[in-house]
Amino acid sequence: MSKSRVERIIDGLLKIQELIIRNERDFIDEILSKSRDDIGNVAQIEVYDDESCYSIRLKLVEGYRIVKTDEEPLHVIRMHIDTLIDLILGERGGRPFDFGRAYAEGRIVMYGPDYHIHAMRFAREWEKAFIRFRKYLAKVSRNA
C-alpha cells in the first residue's frame, strides 16, 4: 500500500523542518528558552485527505517543533491537508491566512471540552510554529 498524499506531504514538511532546525541551533535555543512543555497534549492538529479517510495527528513539542503523534489530546483542531499548507505559508488566494480566517471560512473544526476557549488559545501556539517554519522556508529559498 502506498503512502497517502497526506502522509507524503506531512513527512516532507517534517524532513524540511529537521534540515532547517539542524542548521539553525542559535535560533532554536532562543525559542526553547521561551517555549512551554507539552503544548501538543492540550491541542493537536488532525490533518485529513480529500476522502477524509486518512488522517495524521500532529502535536507541538518543546521549541514549537511539530511531530506526529498517536496520543489522545484534550482538544483537536481538524483540517484538510491543503488548509495546513495554507496556514504554514500564511496565505490563501493571495490574501493573509491564519487560524481566525480558517475558522471563519469553515476550513477548520475544533472539538474538545470548552474548545471555543482553549483550542483557539492553542491555535495561537500553532501559529507561532507556522510563523517559525515560514521564516525558515523564506531564509532557505533566499540562500538557494
N, C-alpha and C. Protein backbone atom coordinates (compact mmCIF):
# COMPACT_ATOMS: atom_id res chain seq x y z
N MET A 1 0.85 -1.18 0.00
CA MET A 1 0.00 0.00 0.00
C MET A 1 0.89 1.24 0.00
N SER A 2 0.65 2.16 -0.90
CA SER A 2 1.47 3.36 -0.97
C SER A 2 0.99 4.40 0.04
N LYS A 3 1.89 5.31 0.34
CA LYS A 3 1.55 6.36 1.28
C LYS A 3 0.49 7.27 0.68
N SER A 4 -0.37 7.79 1.53
CA SER A 4 -1.38 8.72 1.06
C SER A 4 -0.74 10.09 0.84
N ARG A 5 -1.45 10.95 0.16
CA ARG A 5 -0.98 12.31 -0.10
C ARG A 5 -0.71 13.03 1.22
N VAL A 6 -1.58 12.84 2.20
CA VAL A 6 -1.41 13.49 3.50
C VAL A 6 -0.09 13.06 4.12
N GLU A 7 0.16 11.76 4.15
CA GLU A 7 1.37 11.26 4.80
C GLU A 7 2.63 11.71 4.06
N ARG A 8 2.60 11.71 2.72
CA ARG A 8 3.76 12.17 1.95
C ARG A 8 4.05 13.64 2.22
N ILE A 9 3.01 14.47 2.25
CA ILE A 9 3.21 15.90 2.49
C ILE A 9 3.71 16.14 3.91
N ILE A 10 3.07 15.50 4.90
CA ILE A 10 3.50 15.67 6.29
C ILE A 10 4.94 15.21 6.46
N ASP A 11 5.29 14.03 5.93
CA ASP A 11 6.66 13.53 6.04
C ASP A 11 7.65 14.50 5.40
N GLY A 12 7.28 15.06 4.25
CA GLY A 12 8.15 16.03 3.59
C GLY A 12 8.34 17.29 4.42
N LEU A 13 7.24 17.81 4.98
CA LEU A 13 7.33 19.01 5.81
C LEU A 13 8.19 18.76 7.05
N LEU A 14 8.03 17.59 7.67
CA LEU A 14 8.82 17.27 8.86
C LEU A 14 10.30 17.10 8.51
N LYS A 15 10.62 16.55 7.33
CA LYS A 15 12.01 16.43 6.90
C LYS A 15 12.62 17.81 6.67
N ILE A 16 11.87 18.69 6.01
CA ILE A 16 12.35 20.06 5.80
C ILE A 16 12.61 20.73 7.14
N GLN A 17 11.67 20.58 8.07
CA GLN A 17 11.83 21.17 9.40
C GLN A 17 13.12 20.67 10.05
N GLU A 18 13.39 19.37 9.98
CA GLU A 18 14.59 18.82 10.62
C GLU A 18 15.86 19.35 9.97
N LEU A 19 15.88 19.49 8.65
CA LEU A 19 17.04 20.04 7.96
C LEU A 19 17.29 21.48 8.39
N ILE A 20 16.21 22.23 8.48
CA ILE A 20 16.32 23.63 8.86
C ILE A 20 16.77 23.76 10.30
N ILE A 21 16.16 23.00 11.19
CA ILE A 21 16.49 23.08 12.61
C ILE A 21 17.96 22.73 12.83
N ARG A 22 18.44 21.73 12.12
CA ARG A 22 19.83 21.32 12.26
C ARG A 22 20.78 22.48 11.95
N ASN A 23 20.37 23.37 11.03
CA ASN A 23 21.22 24.49 10.62
C ASN A 23 20.94 25.78 11.38
N GLU A 24 20.02 25.76 12.30
CA GLU A 24 19.60 26.99 12.98
C GLU A 24 19.65 26.85 14.50
N ARG A 25 20.69 26.27 15.06
CA ARG A 25 20.76 26.00 16.50
C ARG A 25 20.59 27.24 17.38
N ASP A 26 21.20 28.36 17.01
CA ASP A 26 21.08 29.56 17.85
C ASP A 26 19.64 30.01 17.97
N PHE A 27 18.92 30.03 16.85
CA PHE A 27 17.52 30.44 16.86
C PHE A 27 16.69 29.47 17.68
N ILE A 28 16.96 28.19 17.52
CA ILE A 28 16.23 27.17 18.27
C ILE A 28 16.46 27.33 19.77
N ASP A 29 17.70 27.60 20.18
CA ASP A 29 17.98 27.80 21.60
C ASP A 29 17.16 28.95 22.16
N GLU A 30 17.02 30.03 21.39
CA GLU A 30 16.20 31.17 21.83
C GLU A 30 14.74 30.75 21.97
N ILE A 31 14.22 30.02 20.99
CA ILE A 31 12.83 29.57 21.05
C ILE A 31 12.63 28.63 22.23
N LEU A 32 13.58 27.72 22.44
CA LEU A 32 13.46 26.77 23.55
C LEU A 32 13.34 27.48 24.88
N SER A 33 14.08 28.56 25.04
CA SER A 33 14.03 29.26 26.32
C SER A 33 12.68 29.92 26.56
N LYS A 34 11.91 30.16 25.50
CA LYS A 34 10.61 30.80 25.62
C LYS A 34 9.44 29.82 25.57
N SER A 35 9.72 28.59 25.19
CA SER A 35 8.62 27.65 24.94
C SER A 35 8.06 27.03 26.20
N ARG A 36 6.89 26.43 26.05
CA ARG A 36 6.25 25.71 27.14
C ARG A 36 6.24 24.24 26.82
N ASP A 37 6.27 23.41 27.83
CA ASP A 37 6.27 21.96 27.63
C ASP A 37 4.88 21.46 27.26
N ASP A 38 4.87 20.45 26.43
CA ASP A 38 3.67 19.68 26.10
C ASP A 38 2.48 20.51 25.61
N ILE A 39 2.74 21.51 24.80
CA ILE A 39 1.65 22.27 24.20
C ILE A 39 0.72 21.33 23.45
N GLY A 40 1.33 20.38 22.74
CA GLY A 40 0.57 19.49 21.87
C GLY A 40 -0.33 18.51 22.59
N ASN A 41 -0.12 18.27 23.87
CA ASN A 41 -1.00 17.37 24.59
C ASN A 41 -2.35 18.02 24.87
N VAL A 42 -2.41 19.32 24.76
CA VAL A 42 -3.64 20.04 25.00
C VAL A 42 -4.44 20.22 23.71
N ALA A 43 -3.77 20.64 22.63
CA ALA A 43 -4.46 20.85 21.35
C ALA A 43 -3.59 20.33 20.22
N GLN A 44 -4.07 19.28 19.58
CA GLN A 44 -3.36 18.72 18.44
C GLN A 44 -4.09 19.07 17.16
N ILE A 45 -3.35 19.00 16.06
CA ILE A 45 -3.95 19.18 14.75
C ILE A 45 -4.14 17.81 14.13
N GLU A 46 -5.33 17.59 13.59
CA GLU A 46 -5.61 16.37 12.84
C GLU A 46 -5.78 16.76 11.38
N VAL A 47 -4.95 16.17 10.52
CA VAL A 47 -4.95 16.51 9.10
C VAL A 47 -5.51 15.33 8.32
N TYR A 48 -6.41 15.62 7.38
CA TYR A 48 -7.03 14.55 6.59
C TYR A 48 -6.89 14.84 5.10
N ASP A 49 -7.19 13.82 4.28
CA ASP A 49 -7.08 13.94 2.83
C ASP A 49 -8.44 14.23 2.20
N ASP A 50 -8.48 14.20 0.87
CA ASP A 50 -9.71 14.53 0.14
C ASP A 50 -10.89 13.64 0.48
N GLU A 51 -10.63 12.38 0.75
CA GLU A 51 -11.71 11.45 1.05
C GLU A 51 -12.03 11.41 2.55
N SER A 52 -11.28 12.16 3.36
CA SER A 52 -11.43 12.17 4.82
C SER A 52 -11.24 10.80 5.44
N CYS A 53 -10.59 9.90 4.72
CA CYS A 53 -10.44 8.55 5.24
C CYS A 53 -9.05 8.31 5.81
N TYR A 54 -8.14 9.22 5.62
CA TYR A 54 -6.79 9.05 6.14
C TYR A 54 -6.43 10.31 6.91
N SER A 55 -5.99 10.14 8.13
CA SER A 55 -5.63 11.32 8.91
C SER A 55 -4.37 11.05 9.72
N ILE A 56 -3.69 12.12 10.03
CA ILE A 56 -2.49 12.09 10.87
C ILE A 56 -2.67 13.15 11.94
N ARG A 57 -2.30 12.82 13.17
CA ARG A 57 -2.33 13.81 14.25
C ARG A 57 -0.94 14.38 14.45
N LEU A 58 -0.90 15.68 14.63
CA LEU A 58 0.35 16.40 14.88
C LEU A 58 0.25 17.10 16.22
N LYS A 59 1.39 17.21 16.90
CA LYS A 59 1.40 17.98 18.14
C LYS A 59 2.65 18.83 18.17
N LEU A 60 2.63 19.82 19.03
CA LEU A 60 3.79 20.68 19.25
C LEU A 60 4.55 20.17 20.46
N VAL A 61 5.85 20.17 20.35
CA VAL A 61 6.70 19.81 21.48
C VAL A 61 7.65 20.97 21.74
N GLU A 62 8.54 20.77 22.64
CA GLU A 62 9.49 21.79 23.05
C GLU A 62 10.07 22.55 21.85
N GLY A 63 10.08 23.86 21.94
CA GLY A 63 10.63 24.68 20.87
C GLY A 63 9.71 24.86 19.69
N TYR A 64 8.41 24.62 19.87
CA TYR A 64 7.42 24.74 18.80
C TYR A 64 7.77 23.83 17.62
N ARG A 65 8.31 22.68 17.92
CA ARG A 65 8.62 21.68 16.91
C ARG A 65 7.38 20.82 16.68
N ILE A 66 7.08 20.52 15.43
CA ILE A 66 5.89 19.75 15.05
C ILE A 66 6.30 18.29 14.88
N VAL A 67 5.54 17.39 15.50
CA VAL A 67 5.82 15.95 15.38
C VAL A 67 4.50 15.19 15.21
N LYS A 68 4.59 13.99 14.64
CA LYS A 68 3.42 13.11 14.56
C LYS A 68 3.18 12.50 15.94
N THR A 69 1.92 12.16 16.21
CA THR A 69 1.60 11.54 17.50
C THR A 69 0.39 10.62 17.38
N ASP A 70 0.33 9.68 18.29
CA ASP A 70 -0.85 8.83 18.45
C ASP A 70 -1.55 9.12 19.76
N GLU A 71 -1.03 10.08 20.53
CA GLU A 71 -1.59 10.40 21.84
C GLU A 71 -2.99 10.99 21.69
N GLU A 72 -3.78 10.85 22.73
CA GLU A 72 -5.11 11.46 22.75
C GLU A 72 -5.00 12.84 23.39
N PRO A 73 -5.37 13.87 22.67
CA PRO A 73 -5.30 15.23 23.21
C PRO A 73 -6.58 15.62 23.92
N LEU A 74 -6.52 16.73 24.59
CA LEU A 74 -7.72 17.30 25.19
C LEU A 74 -8.58 17.97 24.12
N HIS A 75 -7.93 18.64 23.17
CA HIS A 75 -8.63 19.35 22.09
C HIS A 75 -8.02 18.97 20.75
N VAL A 76 -8.84 18.98 19.71
CA VAL A 76 -8.37 18.68 18.37
C VAL A 76 -8.79 19.82 17.43
N ILE A 77 -7.85 20.21 16.59
CA ILE A 77 -8.11 21.18 15.53
C ILE A 77 -8.00 20.38 14.23
N ARG A 78 -9.11 20.14 13.57
CA ARG A 78 -9.15 19.25 12.40
C ARG A 78 -9.21 20.08 11.13
N MET A 79 -8.38 19.68 10.12
CA MET A 79 -8.32 20.43 8.86
C MET A 79 -7.84 19.55 7.72
N HIS A 80 -8.14 19.97 6.51
CA HIS A 80 -7.67 19.32 5.29
C HIS A 80 -6.18 19.63 5.12
N ILE A 81 -5.45 18.75 4.44
CA ILE A 81 -4.03 18.95 4.22
C ILE A 81 -3.75 20.28 3.50
N ASP A 82 -4.60 20.67 2.56
CA ASP A 82 -4.39 21.94 1.85
C ASP A 82 -4.52 23.14 2.78
N THR A 83 -5.41 23.05 3.77
CA THR A 83 -5.55 24.12 4.75
C THR A 83 -4.29 24.22 5.61
N LEU A 84 -3.73 23.08 6.00
CA LEU A 84 -2.48 23.08 6.76
C LEU A 84 -1.38 23.77 5.97
N ILE A 85 -1.26 23.45 4.70
CA ILE A 85 -0.23 24.08 3.86
C ILE A 85 -0.46 25.59 3.78
N ASP A 86 -1.71 26.01 3.59
CA ASP A 86 -2.02 27.44 3.54
C ASP A 86 -1.67 28.13 4.85
N LEU A 87 -1.94 27.47 5.98
CA LEU A 87 -1.60 28.05 7.29
C LEU A 87 -0.09 28.17 7.46
N ILE A 88 0.64 27.17 7.02
CA ILE A 88 2.11 27.24 7.12
C ILE A 88 2.63 28.37 6.24
N LEU A 89 2.09 28.51 5.04
CA LEU A 89 2.53 29.57 4.13
C LEU A 89 2.02 30.95 4.55
N GLY A 90 0.94 30.96 5.33
CA GLY A 90 0.40 32.23 5.81
C GLY A 90 -0.44 32.98 4.80
N GLU A 91 -0.82 32.30 3.73
CA GLU A 91 -1.69 32.96 2.74
C GLU A 91 -2.53 31.94 1.99
N ARG A 92 -3.63 32.45 1.48
CA ARG A 92 -4.54 31.62 0.67
C ARG A 92 -5.15 32.55 -0.36
N GLY A 93 -5.01 32.22 -1.60
CA GLY A 93 -5.56 33.06 -2.67
C GLY A 93 -4.96 34.45 -2.68
N GLY A 94 -3.69 34.56 -2.31
CA GLY A 94 -3.02 35.86 -2.32
C GLY A 94 -3.36 36.77 -1.14
N ARG A 95 -4.15 36.26 -0.19
CA ARG A 95 -4.52 37.05 0.99
C ARG A 95 -3.95 36.38 2.24
N PRO A 96 -3.68 37.16 3.28
CA PRO A 96 -3.19 36.57 4.54
C PRO A 96 -4.16 35.50 5.04
N PHE A 97 -3.60 34.44 5.61
CA PHE A 97 -4.42 33.32 6.07
C PHE A 97 -3.89 32.84 7.41
N ASP A 98 -4.78 32.84 8.41
CA ASP A 98 -4.40 32.37 9.74
C ASP A 98 -5.56 31.55 10.31
N PHE A 99 -5.42 31.12 11.57
CA PHE A 99 -6.46 30.28 12.17
C PHE A 99 -7.80 31.00 12.24
N GLY A 100 -7.79 32.29 12.50
CA GLY A 100 -9.04 33.03 12.58
C GLY A 100 -9.80 32.99 11.27
N ARG A 101 -9.08 33.25 10.18
CA ARG A 101 -9.72 33.21 8.86
C ARG A 101 -10.14 31.78 8.51
N ALA A 102 -9.27 30.80 8.81
CA ALA A 102 -9.61 29.41 8.52
C ALA A 102 -10.88 28.99 9.26
N TYR A 103 -11.00 29.40 10.51
CA TYR A 103 -12.19 29.07 11.31
C TYR A 103 -13.43 29.77 10.75
N ALA A 104 -13.28 31.05 10.43
CA ALA A 104 -14.41 31.83 9.90
C ALA A 104 -14.90 31.26 8.56
N GLU A 105 -13.99 30.73 7.76
CA GLU A 105 -14.36 30.16 6.46
C GLU A 105 -14.78 28.69 6.56
N GLY A 106 -14.78 28.14 7.77
CA GLY A 106 -15.18 26.75 7.95
C GLY A 106 -14.14 25.74 7.49
N ARG A 107 -12.91 26.16 7.39
CA ARG A 107 -11.84 25.27 6.92
C ARG A 107 -11.21 24.45 8.04
N ILE A 108 -11.49 24.82 9.28
CA ILE A 108 -11.04 24.02 10.42
C ILE A 108 -12.22 23.78 11.35
N VAL A 109 -12.16 22.66 12.01
CA VAL A 109 -13.18 22.30 13.00
C VAL A 109 -12.43 22.01 14.29
N MET A 110 -12.92 22.55 15.39
CA MET A 110 -12.29 22.32 16.69
C MET A 110 -13.28 21.59 17.58
N TYR A 111 -12.74 20.66 18.36
CA TYR A 111 -13.60 19.99 19.32
C TYR A 111 -12.81 19.57 20.54
N GLY A 112 -13.53 19.36 21.61
CA GLY A 112 -12.98 19.05 22.92
C GLY A 112 -13.71 19.89 23.95
N PRO A 113 -13.48 19.64 25.24
CA PRO A 113 -14.18 20.40 26.28
C PRO A 113 -13.89 21.90 26.17
N ASP A 114 -14.93 22.71 26.13
CA ASP A 114 -14.78 24.17 26.03
C ASP A 114 -13.82 24.57 24.92
N TYR A 115 -13.90 23.88 23.79
CA TYR A 115 -12.95 24.09 22.69
C TYR A 115 -12.91 25.54 22.23
N HIS A 116 -14.06 26.21 22.27
CA HIS A 116 -14.13 27.58 21.78
C HIS A 116 -13.21 28.51 22.55
N ILE A 117 -12.86 28.17 23.77
CA ILE A 117 -11.93 28.97 24.57
C ILE A 117 -10.51 28.44 24.40
N HIS A 118 -10.34 27.15 24.66
CA HIS A 118 -8.99 26.58 24.74
C HIS A 118 -8.35 26.33 23.38
N ALA A 119 -9.09 25.79 22.43
CA ALA A 119 -8.49 25.45 21.16
C ALA A 119 -8.00 26.70 20.42
N MET A 120 -8.76 27.77 20.47
CA MET A 120 -8.31 29.00 19.80
C MET A 120 -7.06 29.56 20.49
N ARG A 121 -7.00 29.41 21.81
CA ARG A 121 -5.80 29.88 22.53
C ARG A 121 -4.59 29.08 22.06
N PHE A 122 -4.76 27.77 21.92
CA PHE A 122 -3.64 26.95 21.48
C PHE A 122 -3.42 27.04 19.97
N ALA A 123 -4.42 27.49 19.24
CA ALA A 123 -4.21 27.76 17.82
C ALA A 123 -3.15 28.85 17.68
N ARG A 124 -3.11 29.78 18.61
CA ARG A 124 -2.06 30.81 18.58
C ARG A 124 -0.68 30.20 18.77
N GLU A 125 -0.59 29.15 19.57
CA GLU A 125 0.69 28.46 19.75
C GLU A 125 1.10 27.77 18.43
N TRP A 126 0.13 27.15 17.78
CA TRP A 126 0.41 26.55 16.47
C TRP A 126 0.83 27.62 15.48
N GLU A 127 0.18 28.76 15.53
CA GLU A 127 0.52 29.85 14.62
C GLU A 127 1.99 30.25 14.79
N LYS A 128 2.48 30.26 16.03
CA LYS A 128 3.89 30.57 16.26
C LYS A 128 4.79 29.55 15.58
N ALA A 129 4.43 28.28 15.63
CA ALA A 129 5.21 27.23 14.96
C ALA A 129 5.19 27.45 13.45
N PHE A 130 4.04 27.81 12.89
CA PHE A 130 3.94 28.04 11.45
C PHE A 130 4.74 29.26 11.03
N ILE A 131 4.71 30.32 11.83
CA ILE A 131 5.50 31.52 11.52
C ILE A 131 6.98 31.17 11.51
N ARG A 132 7.40 30.38 12.48
CA ARG A 132 8.80 29.96 12.54
C ARG A 132 9.15 29.16 11.29
N PHE A 133 8.29 28.22 10.92
CA PHE A 133 8.51 27.40 9.73
C PHE A 133 8.58 28.27 8.48
N ARG A 134 7.67 29.24 8.39
CA ARG A 134 7.62 30.15 7.24
C ARG A 134 8.91 30.96 7.13
N LYS A 135 9.43 31.44 8.26
CA LYS A 135 10.69 32.20 8.26
C LYS A 135 11.84 31.32 7.77
N TYR A 136 11.86 30.09 8.22
CA TYR A 136 12.89 29.15 7.77
C TYR A 136 12.81 28.94 6.26
N LEU A 137 11.60 28.71 5.76
CA LEU A 137 11.43 28.48 4.33
C LEU A 137 11.89 29.69 3.52
N ALA A 138 11.58 30.89 4.00
CA ALA A 138 12.00 32.11 3.31
C ALA A 138 13.52 32.22 3.30
N LYS A 139 14.13 31.92 4.42
CA LYS A 139 15.59 32.01 4.52
C LYS A 139 16.25 30.99 3.61
N VAL A 140 15.73 29.77 3.61
CA VAL A 140 16.30 28.71 2.77
C VAL A 140 16.14 29.08 1.29
N SER A 141 14.97 29.61 0.91
CA SER A 141 14.75 29.96 -0.50
C SER A 141 15.65 31.12 -0.93
N ARG A 142 15.96 32.04 -0.02
CA ARG A 142 16.88 33.15 -0.34
C ARG A 142 18.30 32.63 -0.54
N ASN A 143 18.68 31.61 0.25
CA ASN A 143 20.03 31.07 0.19
C ASN A 143 20.21 30.00 -0.88
N ALA A 144 19.12 29.61 -1.52
CA ALA A 144 19.21 28.53 -2.52
C ALA A 144 19.72 29.03 -3.85
